[in-house]
Amino acid sequence: MTYASLINLAAEEKSAAVTNWGGRIGWVVGLLLFVALVYWLMRQGWQWRGRLQSDLPALPARPSPAAALDGGGKPPLHGMPETPGEATLKLSGRYHGSTTAGQWLDRIVAHGLGVRSKAELTLTDAGLDVVRPGANDFFVPADRLREARLDKGIAGKVLTEGGLLVVTWQHGDRLIDSGFRSDRAEQHTAWVEAINSMTETSEQPTNTTEGAAR
C-alpha cells in the first residue's frame, strides 16, 4: 500500500466519523424526548391520583415544637391541645411516604403526603407531631393513632428488613400507613412499643357503674 493510499484511507475514516455525528445527535435527541415523555406521564399519573384523593380531609395541624420556637406556628384546630406537651420520644430522619393501610404501593399524594422529605418526629401524650422541612407538617392526635410496626417497604421504597417505622393512623374514613426511617434505626423498636402502648390504652373499655356492680 502506497503512502498516498494510506492518506486517502485516513481521510475516508475521518470523513465517516464526521458524517456519523448526525446519527448520534438524533439518538441523543430521541433519548431526551423519551425521558421527557416518561416524566410527563409520571406527572400526569401523580395529578390523576391527587384528583382521586381529593376527598381526603385537610391534614390536622397545630404549633409544632420546631415552629413554636419562633412564634410562627399556626393556631391549633378546634379540640386539639394548645401545646404539644412533654415529649415522650423524638426522632430525626426521613419521611418516605404514605399509602392506604395494608397496600404498600397505593401511594397517597394529596396534601403533600406523597413528597419524600427530612422529618422530625415528636411523640407526646397528645399525639404524633411530624415536622417536614420544605414540605407540609402534620399532626396525628393520639386518638387517631392505630398501630406501629417495623417493615421494609412503602410507596415503592424498599429498605432492609425492619428498616422502616410504619405508623398506621385514621384520617377521615381512611386508614393510612406513613413510613419513616430514623437516622438511628435502633430507635425504631422503642417507637413501635410506645405507639402501640398508647393505642392499647385508648382502646381499653372504661368501667361503668353496671360493670362495677357485677
N, C-alpha and C. Protein backbone atom coordinates (compact mmCIF):
# COMPACT_ATOMS: atom_id res chain seq x y z
N MET A 1 0.85 -1.19 0.00
CA MET A 1 0.00 0.00 0.00
C MET A 1 0.89 1.25 0.00
N THR A 2 0.62 2.13 -0.90
CA THR A 2 1.45 3.32 -1.05
C THR A 2 1.10 4.36 0.00
N TYR A 3 1.96 5.34 0.11
CA TYR A 3 1.76 6.43 1.06
C TYR A 3 0.49 7.21 0.72
N ALA A 4 0.25 7.42 -0.55
CA ALA A 4 -0.95 8.14 -0.99
C ALA A 4 -2.22 7.38 -0.61
N SER A 5 -2.17 6.04 -0.72
CA SER A 5 -3.34 5.22 -0.36
C SER A 5 -3.66 5.33 1.13
N LEU A 6 -2.61 5.36 1.93
CA LEU A 6 -2.80 5.49 3.37
C LEU A 6 -3.46 6.81 3.72
N ILE A 7 -3.02 7.88 3.02
CA ILE A 7 -3.61 9.20 3.28
C ILE A 7 -5.08 9.22 2.89
N ASN A 8 -5.41 8.61 1.74
CA ASN A 8 -6.80 8.56 1.30
C ASN A 8 -7.68 7.77 2.26
N LEU A 9 -7.11 6.63 2.77
CA LEU A 9 -7.86 5.79 3.70
C LEU A 9 -8.14 6.54 5.00
N ALA A 10 -7.14 7.25 5.51
CA ALA A 10 -7.31 8.03 6.74
C ALA A 10 -8.35 9.12 6.54
N ALA A 11 -8.33 9.74 5.38
CA ALA A 11 -9.30 10.80 5.09
C ALA A 11 -10.71 10.26 5.05
N GLU A 12 -10.87 9.04 4.45
CA GLU A 12 -12.19 8.42 4.38
C GLU A 12 -12.72 8.09 5.77
N GLU A 13 -11.82 7.56 6.65
CA GLU A 13 -12.24 7.21 8.00
C GLU A 13 -12.65 8.45 8.78
N LYS A 14 -11.87 9.52 8.61
CA LYS A 14 -12.19 10.75 9.29
C LYS A 14 -13.51 11.32 8.80
N SER A 15 -13.71 11.23 7.49
CA SER A 15 -14.95 11.72 6.91
C SER A 15 -16.15 10.92 7.43
N ALA A 16 -15.97 9.59 7.56
CA ALA A 16 -17.05 8.75 8.05
C ALA A 16 -17.41 9.10 9.48
N ALA A 17 -16.37 9.39 10.29
CA ALA A 17 -16.62 9.75 11.68
C ALA A 17 -17.40 11.04 11.77
N VAL A 18 -17.07 12.00 10.90
CA VAL A 18 -17.76 13.28 10.91
C VAL A 18 -19.20 13.13 10.47
N THR A 19 -19.42 12.38 9.42
CA THR A 19 -20.79 12.22 8.92
C THR A 19 -21.66 11.43 9.89
N ASN A 20 -21.08 10.72 10.87
CA ASN A 20 -21.85 9.94 11.83
C ASN A 20 -22.41 10.79 12.96
N TRP A 21 -21.99 12.04 13.05
CA TRP A 21 -22.48 12.91 14.11
C TRP A 21 -23.98 13.12 14.02
N GLY A 22 -24.52 13.16 12.82
CA GLY A 22 -25.96 13.35 12.67
C GLY A 22 -26.75 12.24 13.35
N GLY A 23 -26.28 10.99 13.16
CA GLY A 23 -26.95 9.86 13.80
C GLY A 23 -26.86 9.92 15.32
N ARG A 24 -25.68 10.32 15.80
CA ARG A 24 -25.50 10.41 17.24
C ARG A 24 -26.39 11.49 17.85
N ILE A 25 -26.45 12.62 17.20
CA ILE A 25 -27.30 13.71 17.70
C ILE A 25 -28.77 13.29 17.69
N GLY A 26 -29.18 12.61 16.64
CA GLY A 26 -30.56 12.13 16.57
C GLY A 26 -30.87 11.15 17.69
N TRP A 27 -29.89 10.27 17.99
CA TRP A 27 -30.09 9.29 19.07
C TRP A 27 -30.23 9.99 20.41
N VAL A 28 -29.39 11.01 20.68
CA VAL A 28 -29.44 11.75 21.94
C VAL A 28 -30.76 12.50 22.06
N VAL A 29 -31.18 13.15 20.97
CA VAL A 29 -32.45 13.88 20.99
C VAL A 29 -33.61 12.94 21.25
N GLY A 30 -33.58 11.77 20.61
CA GLY A 30 -34.63 10.78 20.82
C GLY A 30 -34.68 10.31 22.27
N LEU A 31 -33.49 10.10 22.86
CA LEU A 31 -33.43 9.68 24.26
C LEU A 31 -34.00 10.75 25.18
N LEU A 32 -33.64 12.02 24.92
CA LEU A 32 -34.15 13.11 25.76
C LEU A 32 -35.67 13.23 25.63
N LEU A 33 -36.18 13.05 24.42
CA LEU A 33 -37.63 13.10 24.24
C LEU A 33 -38.32 11.97 24.98
N PHE A 34 -37.70 10.79 24.98
CA PHE A 34 -38.26 9.64 25.70
C PHE A 34 -38.30 9.91 27.20
N VAL A 35 -37.20 10.45 27.73
CA VAL A 35 -37.15 10.78 29.17
C VAL A 35 -38.20 11.82 29.51
N ALA A 36 -38.35 12.83 28.65
CA ALA A 36 -39.36 13.87 28.89
C ALA A 36 -40.77 13.28 28.87
N LEU A 37 -41.00 12.33 27.96
CA LEU A 37 -42.32 11.69 27.89
C LEU A 37 -42.61 10.89 29.15
N VAL A 38 -41.61 10.14 29.61
CA VAL A 38 -41.79 9.35 30.83
C VAL A 38 -42.09 10.27 32.01
N TYR A 39 -41.33 11.37 32.12
CA TYR A 39 -41.54 12.33 33.21
C TYR A 39 -42.95 12.92 33.12
N TRP A 40 -43.40 13.27 31.91
CA TRP A 40 -44.73 13.84 31.73
C TRP A 40 -45.81 12.85 32.14
N LEU A 41 -45.64 11.58 31.75
CA LEU A 41 -46.61 10.56 32.11
C LEU A 41 -46.66 10.35 33.63
N MET A 42 -45.49 10.37 34.27
CA MET A 42 -45.45 10.24 35.72
C MET A 42 -46.15 11.41 36.40
N ARG A 43 -45.93 12.60 35.87
CA ARG A 43 -46.56 13.79 36.44
C ARG A 43 -48.08 13.73 36.26
N GLN A 44 -48.52 13.28 35.07
CA GLN A 44 -49.95 13.15 34.84
C GLN A 44 -50.56 12.12 35.78
N GLY A 45 -49.85 11.00 35.98
CA GLY A 45 -50.33 9.98 36.90
C GLY A 45 -50.42 10.49 38.32
N TRP A 46 -49.44 11.31 38.72
CA TRP A 46 -49.43 11.91 40.05
C TRP A 46 -50.65 12.83 40.23
N GLN A 47 -50.92 13.67 39.21
CA GLN A 47 -52.05 14.59 39.28
C GLN A 47 -53.37 13.84 39.27
N TRP A 48 -53.44 12.77 38.47
CA TRP A 48 -54.66 11.96 38.42
C TRP A 48 -54.93 11.31 39.77
N ARG A 49 -53.88 10.80 40.41
CA ARG A 49 -54.03 10.19 41.73
C ARG A 49 -54.47 11.24 42.75
N GLY A 50 -53.91 12.46 42.63
CA GLY A 50 -54.30 13.52 43.53
C GLY A 50 -55.78 13.87 43.40
N ARG A 51 -56.29 13.87 42.15
CA ARG A 51 -57.71 14.17 41.94
C ARG A 51 -58.58 13.06 42.55
N LEU A 52 -58.15 11.82 42.43
CA LEU A 52 -58.91 10.71 43.01
C LEU A 52 -58.97 10.82 44.53
N GLN A 53 -57.94 11.43 45.12
CA GLN A 53 -57.87 11.54 46.59
C GLN A 53 -58.32 12.92 47.08
N SER A 54 -59.04 13.64 46.25
CA SER A 54 -59.47 15.00 46.61
C SER A 54 -60.44 15.01 47.78
N ASP A 55 -61.05 13.84 48.09
CA ASP A 55 -61.99 13.77 49.21
C ASP A 55 -61.28 13.63 50.55
N LEU A 56 -59.95 13.48 50.53
CA LEU A 56 -59.20 13.34 51.78
C LEU A 56 -59.21 14.68 52.52
N PRO A 57 -59.63 14.69 53.78
CA PRO A 57 -59.69 15.97 54.51
C PRO A 57 -58.30 16.59 54.66
N ALA A 58 -58.29 17.89 54.95
CA ALA A 58 -57.02 18.57 55.20
C ALA A 58 -56.32 17.93 56.39
N LEU A 59 -54.99 17.95 56.36
CA LEU A 59 -54.23 17.32 57.42
C LEU A 59 -54.37 18.09 58.73
N PRO A 60 -54.49 17.37 59.84
CA PRO A 60 -54.51 18.06 61.14
C PRO A 60 -53.19 18.81 61.33
N ALA A 61 -53.27 20.03 61.86
CA ALA A 61 -52.06 20.81 62.07
C ALA A 61 -52.20 21.65 63.33
N ARG A 62 -51.11 21.91 64.01
CA ARG A 62 -51.08 22.76 65.19
C ARG A 62 -49.64 23.19 65.39
N PRO A 63 -49.38 24.09 66.30
CA PRO A 63 -47.99 24.50 66.51
C PRO A 63 -47.12 23.31 66.87
N SER A 64 -46.07 23.10 66.12
CA SER A 64 -45.14 22.01 66.42
C SER A 64 -44.02 22.53 67.29
N PRO A 65 -43.28 21.65 67.97
CA PRO A 65 -42.17 22.11 68.80
C PRO A 65 -41.18 22.96 68.03
N ALA A 66 -40.93 22.62 66.76
CA ALA A 66 -39.97 23.38 65.96
C ALA A 66 -40.53 24.74 65.56
N ALA A 67 -41.79 24.78 65.14
CA ALA A 67 -42.38 26.03 64.66
C ALA A 67 -42.67 26.99 65.80
N ALA A 68 -42.97 26.46 67.00
CA ALA A 68 -43.35 27.31 68.11
C ALA A 68 -42.17 28.09 68.68
N LEU A 69 -40.95 27.66 68.38
CA LEU A 69 -39.78 28.33 68.93
C LEU A 69 -39.70 29.78 68.51
N ASP A 70 -40.08 30.08 67.25
CA ASP A 70 -40.01 31.46 66.77
C ASP A 70 -41.39 32.12 66.72
N GLY A 71 -42.37 31.48 67.32
CA GLY A 71 -43.71 32.06 67.36
C GLY A 71 -44.43 31.99 66.04
N GLY A 72 -43.92 31.21 65.09
CA GLY A 72 -44.51 31.17 63.77
C GLY A 72 -45.49 30.04 63.57
N GLY A 73 -45.85 29.33 64.62
CA GLY A 73 -46.74 28.20 64.47
C GLY A 73 -48.17 28.63 64.18
N LYS A 74 -48.92 27.77 63.52
CA LYS A 74 -50.32 28.06 63.23
C LYS A 74 -51.16 27.74 64.46
N PRO A 75 -52.30 28.43 64.64
CA PRO A 75 -53.16 28.12 65.79
C PRO A 75 -53.71 26.70 65.66
N PRO A 76 -53.91 26.03 66.78
CA PRO A 76 -54.39 24.63 66.73
C PRO A 76 -55.83 24.56 66.24
N LEU A 77 -56.17 23.44 65.65
CA LEU A 77 -57.56 23.21 65.24
C LEU A 77 -58.42 23.01 66.48
N HIS A 78 -59.72 23.16 66.29
CA HIS A 78 -60.65 23.01 67.41
C HIS A 78 -60.52 21.62 68.03
N GLY A 79 -60.41 21.59 69.35
CA GLY A 79 -60.33 20.32 70.05
C GLY A 79 -58.93 19.78 70.20
N MET A 80 -57.94 20.46 69.62
CA MET A 80 -56.56 20.00 69.74
C MET A 80 -55.84 20.81 70.83
N PRO A 81 -54.80 20.24 71.42
CA PRO A 81 -54.13 20.91 72.52
C PRO A 81 -53.41 22.18 72.08
N GLU A 82 -53.34 23.15 73.01
CA GLU A 82 -52.63 24.39 72.71
C GLU A 82 -51.13 24.17 72.62
N THR A 83 -50.63 23.25 73.41
CA THR A 83 -49.19 22.96 73.43
C THR A 83 -48.98 21.48 73.16
N PRO A 84 -47.82 21.12 72.64
CA PRO A 84 -47.59 19.72 72.30
C PRO A 84 -47.45 18.80 73.49
N GLY A 85 -47.18 19.35 74.67
CA GLY A 85 -46.98 18.50 75.82
C GLY A 85 -45.54 18.02 75.90
N GLU A 86 -45.24 17.33 76.96
CA GLU A 86 -43.87 16.85 77.17
C GLU A 86 -43.57 15.71 76.21
N ALA A 87 -42.40 15.77 75.58
CA ALA A 87 -42.03 14.76 74.59
C ALA A 87 -41.73 13.42 75.25
N THR A 88 -42.37 12.37 74.72
CA THR A 88 -42.06 11.01 75.16
C THR A 88 -40.87 10.47 74.38
N LEU A 89 -40.89 10.70 73.06
CA LEU A 89 -39.81 10.26 72.17
C LEU A 89 -39.59 11.32 71.10
N LYS A 90 -38.35 11.40 70.62
CA LYS A 90 -38.03 12.27 69.49
C LYS A 90 -37.21 11.48 68.48
N LEU A 91 -37.36 11.87 67.21
CA LEU A 91 -36.68 11.13 66.15
C LEU A 91 -36.33 12.09 65.02
N SER A 92 -35.12 11.98 64.51
CA SER A 92 -34.71 12.72 63.31
C SER A 92 -34.42 11.71 62.22
N GLY A 93 -34.95 11.95 61.03
CA GLY A 93 -34.72 11.01 59.94
C GLY A 93 -35.38 11.46 58.67
N ARG A 94 -36.03 10.52 57.99
CA ARG A 94 -36.68 10.82 56.71
C ARG A 94 -38.09 10.26 56.69
N TYR A 95 -38.94 11.03 55.99
CA TYR A 95 -40.30 10.58 55.72
C TYR A 95 -40.31 10.00 54.31
N HIS A 96 -40.76 8.74 54.17
CA HIS A 96 -40.69 8.06 52.87
C HIS A 96 -42.02 7.96 52.15
N GLY A 97 -43.09 8.48 52.75
CA GLY A 97 -44.36 8.47 52.04
C GLY A 97 -45.47 7.81 52.82
N SER A 98 -46.68 7.92 52.28
CA SER A 98 -47.87 7.34 52.91
C SER A 98 -48.67 6.57 51.87
N THR A 99 -49.33 5.52 52.33
CA THR A 99 -50.18 4.71 51.45
C THR A 99 -51.46 4.35 52.18
N THR A 100 -52.42 3.84 51.43
CA THR A 100 -53.58 3.24 52.08
C THR A 100 -53.10 2.08 52.94
N ALA A 101 -53.59 1.98 54.16
CA ALA A 101 -53.10 0.97 55.10
C ALA A 101 -53.19 -0.44 54.51
N GLY A 102 -52.08 -1.16 54.62
CA GLY A 102 -52.03 -2.54 54.13
C GLY A 102 -51.75 -2.68 52.65
N GLN A 103 -51.64 -1.55 51.93
CA GLN A 103 -51.38 -1.58 50.48
C GLN A 103 -50.16 -0.70 50.20
N TRP A 104 -48.99 -1.29 50.28
CA TRP A 104 -47.75 -0.52 50.30
C TRP A 104 -47.42 0.18 48.98
N LEU A 105 -48.16 -0.12 47.91
CA LEU A 105 -47.93 0.55 46.64
C LEU A 105 -49.03 1.57 46.30
N ASP A 106 -50.08 1.63 47.11
CA ASP A 106 -51.17 2.56 46.86
C ASP A 106 -50.82 3.90 47.50
N ARG A 107 -49.94 4.64 46.83
CA ARG A 107 -49.40 5.89 47.39
C ARG A 107 -50.49 6.97 47.53
N ILE A 108 -50.43 7.69 48.63
CA ILE A 108 -51.29 8.85 48.84
C ILE A 108 -50.48 10.11 48.57
N VAL A 109 -50.97 10.95 47.66
CA VAL A 109 -50.23 12.15 47.27
C VAL A 109 -50.95 13.44 47.69
N ALA A 110 -52.22 13.34 48.08
CA ALA A 110 -52.98 14.53 48.46
C ALA A 110 -52.35 15.23 49.65
N HIS A 111 -52.43 16.55 49.66
CA HIS A 111 -51.96 17.39 50.76
C HIS A 111 -50.46 17.23 51.02
N GLY A 112 -49.71 16.88 49.98
CA GLY A 112 -48.27 16.80 50.12
C GLY A 112 -47.77 15.52 50.76
N LEU A 113 -48.64 14.56 51.03
CA LEU A 113 -48.21 13.32 51.67
C LEU A 113 -47.34 12.46 50.76
N GLY A 114 -47.36 12.74 49.46
CA GLY A 114 -46.55 11.95 48.54
C GLY A 114 -45.13 12.45 48.42
N VAL A 115 -44.81 13.57 49.06
CA VAL A 115 -43.47 14.17 48.94
C VAL A 115 -42.54 13.59 50.00
N ARG A 116 -41.47 12.95 49.55
CA ARG A 116 -40.46 12.46 50.50
C ARG A 116 -39.64 13.64 51.02
N SER A 117 -39.24 13.56 52.28
CA SER A 117 -38.55 14.70 52.88
C SER A 117 -37.83 14.27 54.15
N LYS A 118 -37.02 15.19 54.66
CA LYS A 118 -36.50 15.02 56.00
C LYS A 118 -37.66 15.16 56.98
N ALA A 119 -37.50 14.61 58.17
CA ALA A 119 -38.60 14.68 59.14
C ALA A 119 -38.06 14.70 60.56
N GLU A 120 -38.77 15.46 61.38
CA GLU A 120 -38.52 15.49 62.82
C GLU A 120 -39.81 15.03 63.50
N LEU A 121 -39.76 13.91 64.21
CA LEU A 121 -40.94 13.36 64.86
C LEU A 121 -40.85 13.58 66.36
N THR A 122 -41.99 13.95 66.94
CA THR A 122 -42.09 14.08 68.39
C THR A 122 -43.37 13.38 68.83
N LEU A 123 -43.23 12.47 69.78
CA LEU A 123 -44.39 11.75 70.32
C LEU A 123 -44.68 12.28 71.72
N THR A 124 -45.91 12.71 71.93
CA THR A 124 -46.35 13.19 73.24
C THR A 124 -47.66 12.50 73.58
N ASP A 125 -48.18 12.78 74.78
CA ASP A 125 -49.48 12.22 75.14
C ASP A 125 -50.58 12.75 74.23
N ALA A 126 -50.32 13.90 73.59
CA ALA A 126 -51.32 14.50 72.70
C ALA A 126 -51.36 13.81 71.34
N GLY A 127 -50.25 13.21 70.92
CA GLY A 127 -50.20 12.54 69.63
C GLY A 127 -48.83 12.61 68.99
N LEU A 128 -48.80 12.41 67.68
CA LEU A 128 -47.56 12.38 66.90
C LEU A 128 -47.43 13.64 66.08
N ASP A 129 -46.35 14.38 66.31
CA ASP A 129 -46.09 15.62 65.59
C ASP A 129 -45.02 15.37 64.54
N VAL A 130 -45.31 15.68 63.29
CA VAL A 130 -44.37 15.44 62.18
C VAL A 130 -44.00 16.78 61.55
N VAL A 131 -42.75 17.17 61.71
CA VAL A 131 -42.25 18.41 61.11
C VAL A 131 -41.40 18.04 59.90
N ARG A 132 -41.75 18.61 58.73
CA ARG A 132 -41.04 18.26 57.49
C ARG A 132 -40.51 19.53 56.82
N PRO A 133 -39.23 19.82 56.96
CA PRO A 133 -38.66 21.00 56.30
C PRO A 133 -38.87 20.94 54.79
N GLY A 134 -39.47 21.99 54.24
CA GLY A 134 -39.70 22.04 52.80
C GLY A 134 -40.95 21.33 52.36
N ALA A 135 -41.71 20.75 53.28
CA ALA A 135 -42.95 20.03 52.93
C ALA A 135 -43.98 20.31 54.03
N ASN A 136 -45.20 19.79 53.84
CA ASN A 136 -46.28 20.05 54.78
C ASN A 136 -46.09 19.28 56.09
N ASP A 137 -46.10 20.01 57.22
CA ASP A 137 -46.11 19.36 58.52
C ASP A 137 -47.50 18.77 58.76
N PHE A 138 -47.57 17.79 59.65
CA PHE A 138 -48.89 17.32 60.06
C PHE A 138 -48.81 16.73 61.46
N PHE A 139 -49.97 16.62 62.06
CA PHE A 139 -50.09 16.15 63.44
C PHE A 139 -51.15 15.06 63.49
N VAL A 140 -50.83 13.96 64.16
CA VAL A 140 -51.78 12.86 64.32
C VAL A 140 -52.20 12.82 65.79
N PRO A 141 -53.44 13.22 66.10
CA PRO A 141 -53.89 13.17 67.50
C PRO A 141 -53.81 11.74 68.04
N ALA A 142 -53.60 11.63 69.34
CA ALA A 142 -53.40 10.30 69.96
C ALA A 142 -54.57 9.36 69.69
N ASP A 143 -55.81 9.92 69.67
CA ASP A 143 -56.96 9.03 69.48
C ASP A 143 -57.13 8.57 68.04
N ARG A 144 -56.26 9.08 67.12
CA ARG A 144 -56.32 8.61 65.74
C ARG A 144 -55.17 7.66 65.40
N LEU A 145 -54.24 7.49 66.32
CA LEU A 145 -53.18 6.51 66.12
C LEU A 145 -53.76 5.11 66.26
N ARG A 146 -53.39 4.21 65.36
CA ARG A 146 -53.93 2.86 65.40
C ARG A 146 -52.88 1.80 65.74
N GLU A 147 -51.70 1.91 65.16
CA GLU A 147 -50.63 0.96 65.50
C GLU A 147 -49.33 1.42 64.87
N ALA A 148 -48.23 0.77 65.26
CA ALA A 148 -46.93 0.99 64.63
C ALA A 148 -46.26 -0.37 64.47
N ARG A 149 -45.43 -0.48 63.44
CA ARG A 149 -44.74 -1.75 63.19
C ARG A 149 -43.44 -1.48 62.45
N LEU A 150 -42.59 -2.48 62.42
CA LEU A 150 -41.38 -2.42 61.61
C LEU A 150 -41.66 -3.09 60.28
N ASP A 151 -41.19 -2.51 59.20
CA ASP A 151 -41.43 -3.05 57.87
C ASP A 151 -40.22 -2.75 57.01
N LYS A 152 -40.29 -3.15 55.74
CA LYS A 152 -39.15 -2.92 54.85
C LYS A 152 -39.48 -2.12 53.60
N GLY A 153 -40.76 -1.79 53.40
CA GLY A 153 -41.10 -1.07 52.18
C GLY A 153 -42.39 -0.30 52.30
N ILE A 154 -42.44 0.84 51.58
CA ILE A 154 -43.67 1.63 51.49
C ILE A 154 -43.56 2.57 50.30
N ALA A 155 -44.66 2.74 49.59
CA ALA A 155 -44.76 3.69 48.47
C ALA A 155 -43.63 3.50 47.47
N GLY A 156 -43.29 2.23 47.18
CA GLY A 156 -42.25 1.95 46.20
C GLY A 156 -40.84 2.02 46.74
N LYS A 157 -40.66 2.39 48.00
CA LYS A 157 -39.33 2.48 48.62
C LYS A 157 -39.08 1.21 49.41
N VAL A 158 -38.00 0.49 49.08
CA VAL A 158 -37.68 -0.76 49.75
C VAL A 158 -36.37 -0.61 50.50
N LEU A 159 -36.39 -0.97 51.79
CA LEU A 159 -35.20 -0.91 52.63
C LEU A 159 -34.92 -2.31 53.17
N THR A 160 -33.98 -2.41 54.07
CA THR A 160 -33.69 -3.70 54.69
C THR A 160 -34.84 -4.10 55.61
N GLU A 161 -34.92 -5.36 55.93
CA GLU A 161 -35.98 -5.86 56.81
C GLU A 161 -35.94 -5.11 58.14
N GLY A 162 -37.09 -4.55 58.52
CA GLY A 162 -37.17 -3.81 59.77
C GLY A 162 -36.56 -2.42 59.70
N GLY A 163 -36.18 -1.98 58.51
CA GLY A 163 -35.52 -0.68 58.38
C GLY A 163 -36.47 0.49 58.30
N LEU A 164 -37.77 0.23 58.41
CA LEU A 164 -38.77 1.28 58.24
C LEU A 164 -39.74 1.25 59.42
N LEU A 165 -40.00 2.41 59.98
CA LEU A 165 -41.02 2.55 61.01
C LEU A 165 -42.32 2.97 60.32
N VAL A 166 -43.33 2.13 60.39
CA VAL A 166 -44.61 2.42 59.75
C VAL A 166 -45.66 2.69 60.82
N VAL A 167 -46.26 3.86 60.74
CA VAL A 167 -47.30 4.26 61.69
C VAL A 167 -48.64 4.27 60.97
N THR A 168 -49.60 3.54 61.51
CA THR A 168 -50.96 3.50 60.94
C THR A 168 -51.85 4.45 61.73
N TRP A 169 -52.57 5.31 61.00
CA TRP A 169 -53.43 6.29 61.66
C TRP A 169 -54.70 6.52 60.86
N GLN A 170 -55.71 6.99 61.56
CA GLN A 170 -57.03 7.23 60.95
C GLN A 170 -57.13 8.69 60.53
N HIS A 171 -57.53 8.90 59.27
CA HIS A 171 -57.75 10.26 58.80
C HIS A 171 -59.04 10.28 58.01
N GLY A 172 -60.07 10.88 58.60
CA GLY A 172 -61.38 10.80 57.98
C GLY A 172 -61.86 9.35 57.99
N ASP A 173 -62.28 8.87 56.84
CA ASP A 173 -62.74 7.49 56.74
C ASP A 173 -61.64 6.55 56.28
N ARG A 174 -60.42 7.04 56.21
CA ARG A 174 -59.33 6.25 55.63
C ARG A 174 -58.26 5.92 56.65
N LEU A 175 -57.78 4.67 56.59
CA LEU A 175 -56.63 4.27 57.38
C LEU A 175 -55.38 4.47 56.53
N ILE A 176 -54.39 5.13 57.11
CA ILE A 176 -53.18 5.49 56.37
C ILE A 176 -51.95 4.89 57.03
N ASP A 177 -51.05 4.35 56.23
CA ASP A 177 -49.72 3.94 56.68
C ASP A 177 -48.72 5.01 56.27
N SER A 178 -47.97 5.54 57.23
CA SER A 178 -46.91 6.51 56.94
C SER A 178 -45.57 5.91 57.34
N GLY A 179 -44.59 5.99 56.44
CA GLY A 179 -43.31 5.35 56.66
C GLY A 179 -42.20 6.34 57.00
N PHE A 180 -41.44 6.05 58.04
CA PHE A 180 -40.34 6.89 58.48
C PHE A 180 -39.10 6.02 58.70
N ARG A 181 -37.95 6.64 58.52
CA ARG A 181 -36.69 5.97 58.85
C ARG A 181 -35.84 6.91 59.67
N SER A 182 -35.49 6.47 60.87
CA SER A 182 -34.67 7.28 61.75
C SER A 182 -33.21 7.27 61.29
N ASP A 183 -32.50 8.34 61.60
CA ASP A 183 -31.05 8.36 61.36
C ASP A 183 -30.36 7.32 62.23
N ARG A 184 -31.04 6.90 63.27
CA ARG A 184 -30.54 5.82 64.15
C ARG A 184 -31.61 4.74 64.19
N ALA A 185 -31.45 3.75 63.33
CA ALA A 185 -32.50 2.74 63.14
C ALA A 185 -32.81 1.97 64.42
N GLU A 186 -31.88 1.94 65.37
CA GLU A 186 -32.14 1.21 66.61
C GLU A 186 -33.25 1.86 67.44
N GLN A 187 -33.64 3.09 67.09
CA GLN A 187 -34.72 3.77 67.80
C GLN A 187 -36.10 3.23 67.41
N HIS A 188 -36.19 2.56 66.29
CA HIS A 188 -37.50 2.14 65.77
C HIS A 188 -38.29 1.30 66.76
N THR A 189 -37.63 0.36 67.41
CA THR A 189 -38.33 -0.56 68.31
C THR A 189 -39.00 0.19 69.45
N ALA A 190 -38.31 1.17 70.02
CA ALA A 190 -38.90 1.96 71.11
C ALA A 190 -40.14 2.71 70.64
N TRP A 191 -40.11 3.20 69.40
CA TRP A 191 -41.27 3.91 68.86
C TRP A 191 -42.45 2.96 68.66
N VAL A 192 -42.18 1.77 68.16
CA VAL A 192 -43.25 0.78 67.97
C VAL A 192 -43.91 0.47 69.32
N GLU A 193 -43.10 0.24 70.32
CA GLU A 193 -43.63 -0.11 71.65
C GLU A 193 -44.43 1.05 72.24
N ALA A 194 -43.92 2.27 72.10
CA ALA A 194 -44.59 3.42 72.69
C ALA A 194 -45.94 3.70 72.03
N ILE A 195 -45.97 3.68 70.70
CA ILE A 195 -47.22 3.96 69.98
C ILE A 195 -48.25 2.87 70.23
N ASN A 196 -47.81 1.62 70.19
CA ASN A 196 -48.75 0.52 70.44
C ASN A 196 -49.27 0.54 71.87
N SER A 197 -48.44 0.99 72.79
CA SER A 197 -48.89 1.12 74.17
C SER A 197 -49.97 2.20 74.27
N MET A 198 -49.81 3.29 73.53
CA MET A 198 -50.81 4.35 73.53
C MET A 198 -52.13 3.87 72.94
N THR A 199 -52.06 3.11 71.85
CA THR A 199 -53.30 2.67 71.20
C THR A 199 -54.02 1.62 72.04
N GLU A 200 -53.25 0.77 72.73
CA GLU A 200 -53.87 -0.24 73.59
C GLU A 200 -54.59 0.43 74.75
N THR A 201 -53.97 1.49 75.29
CA THR A 201 -54.59 2.21 76.40
C THR A 201 -55.88 2.89 75.97
N SER A 202 -55.85 3.50 74.75
CA SER A 202 -57.04 4.22 74.28
C SER A 202 -58.18 3.28 73.92
N GLU A 203 -57.84 2.01 73.63
CA GLU A 203 -58.87 1.05 73.23
C GLU A 203 -59.48 0.33 74.41
N GLN A 204 -58.89 0.47 75.61
CA GLN A 204 -59.43 -0.22 76.76
C GLN A 204 -60.80 0.34 77.12
N PRO A 205 -61.80 -0.52 77.35
CA PRO A 205 -63.13 -0.02 77.70
C PRO A 205 -63.12 0.62 79.09
N THR A 206 -63.90 1.68 79.24
CA THR A 206 -64.00 2.31 80.55
C THR A 206 -64.98 1.53 81.42
N ASN A 207 -64.71 1.50 82.72
CA ASN A 207 -65.58 0.80 83.65
C ASN A 207 -66.85 1.60 83.88
N THR A 208 -67.98 0.96 83.82
CA THR A 208 -69.27 1.61 84.09
C THR A 208 -69.75 1.21 85.47
N THR A 209 -70.75 1.88 85.96
CA THR A 209 -71.32 1.54 87.27
C THR A 209 -71.89 0.14 87.24
N GLU A 210 -72.53 -0.19 86.09
CA GLU A 210 -73.12 -1.52 85.95
C GLU A 210 -72.03 -2.57 85.97
N GLY A 211 -70.92 -2.29 85.26
CA GLY A 211 -69.84 -3.26 85.23
C GLY A 211 -69.23 -3.43 86.60
N ALA A 212 -69.11 -2.31 87.36
CA ALA A 212 -68.51 -2.40 88.68
C ALA A 212 -69.40 -3.22 89.61
N ALA A 213 -70.70 -3.08 89.45
CA ALA A 213 -71.63 -3.81 90.30
C ALA A 213 -71.54 -5.29 90.07
N ARG A 214 -71.24 -5.68 88.81
CA ARG A 214 -71.11 -7.11 88.52
C ARG A 214 -69.84 -7.66 89.11
